[in-house]
Amino acid sequence: MSGVSEPPQLRIITLRAQIAELGAAIRLLRQAGMDNAAAELLLVRKRAELEGLMLPGRSARSDPPTGEV
């Protein structure tokens, strides 16, 4: 990244796409019987970041995700 932050709407769209891709990857890993803990943790973090962007008056960094699934 160039250090310039994305506009909030673009960031929300990007996060939603990343969440969808992670969900698909997790399903494939489960079907293959492989470990998906790292992907699930990343998914939780992306969801928390998205929630932080969408809730007014709350920054994405004010409530760090715990990693619980």
Protein backbone atom coordinates (compact mmCIF):
# COMPACT_ATOMS: atom_id res chain seq x y z
CA MET A 1 0.00 0.00 0.00
CA SER A 2 1.10 3.55 -0.58
CA GLY A 3 0.19 4.73 2.90
CA VAL A 4 -2.98 6.44 1.67
CA SER A 5 -6.10 4.95 3.20
CA GLU A 6 -9.02 3.82 1.07
CA PRO A 7 -12.35 5.64 1.20
CA PRO A 8 -14.62 3.91 3.75
CA GLN A 9 -17.10 2.59 1.15
CA LEU A 10 -14.31 1.05 -0.92
CA ARG A 11 -12.81 -0.51 2.22
CA ILE A 12 -16.20 -2.01 3.12
CA ILE A 13 -16.56 -3.52 -0.36
CA THR A 14 -13.01 -4.88 -0.20
CA LEU A 15 -13.58 -6.42 3.23
CA ARG A 16 -16.83 -8.06 2.13
CA ALA A 17 -15.06 -9.63 -0.85
CA GLN A 18 -12.20 -10.85 1.34
CA ILE A 19 -14.66 -12.32 3.85
CA ALA A 20 -16.48 -14.18 1.07
CA GLU A 21 -13.20 -15.58 -0.27
CA LEU A 22 -12.08 -16.65 3.20
CA GLY A 23 -15.41 -18.36 3.82
CA ALA A 24 -15.04 -20.33 0.60
CA ALA A 25 -11.44 -21.26 1.46
CA ILE A 26 -12.48 -22.43 4.93
CA ARG A 27 -15.21 -24.64 3.44
CA LEU A 28 -12.69 -26.20 1.04
CA LEU A 29 -10.19 -26.79 3.83
CA ARG A 30 -12.88 -28.44 5.97
CA GLN A 31 -13.96 -30.68 3.09
CA ALA A 32 -10.34 -31.73 2.57
CA GLY A 33 -9.94 -32.43 6.29
CA MET A 34 -7.19 -29.85 6.61
CA ASP A 35 -6.44 -27.38 9.40
CA ASN A 36 -8.30 -24.10 8.90
CA ALA A 37 -7.57 -22.33 12.19
CA ALA A 38 -5.45 -19.58 10.65
CA ALA A 39 -8.08 -18.86 8.00
CA GLU A 40 -10.82 -18.78 10.63
CA LEU A 41 -8.83 -16.35 12.77
CA LEU A 42 -8.28 -14.07 9.79
CA LEU A 43 -12.00 -14.28 8.98
CA VAL A 44 -12.90 -13.21 12.53
CA ARG A 45 -10.51 -10.27 12.30
CA LYS A 46 -11.89 -9.16 8.92
CA ARG A 47 -15.47 -9.37 10.24
CA ALA A 48 -14.52 -7.28 13.28
CA GLU A 49 -12.87 -4.70 11.05
CA LEU A 50 -15.96 -4.56 8.83
CA GLU A 51 -18.23 -4.21 11.86
CA GLY A 52 -16.06 -1.37 13.15
CA LEU A 53 -16.40 0.46 9.85
CA MET A 54 -20.15 0.01 9.69
CA LEU A 55 -21.06 0.97 13.26
CA PRO A 56 -21.15 4.74 13.75
CA GLY A 57 -19.07 6.15 16.58
CA ARG A 58 -16.84 3.10 16.86
CA SER A 59 -13.42 2.80 15.30
CA ALA A 60 -12.18 -0.51 13.93
CA ARG A 61 -9.25 -0.44 16.33
CA SER A 62 -11.16 0.39 19.52
CA ASP A 63 -12.30 -3.19 20.09
CA PRO A 64 -9.68 -5.68 18.94
CA PRO A 65 -11.00 -9.12 18.01
CA THR A 66 -10.38 -11.92 20.47
CA GLY A 67 -9.90 -14.62 17.87
CA GLU A 68 -12.87 -16.63 19.10
CA VAL A 69 -14.90 -18.34 16.41
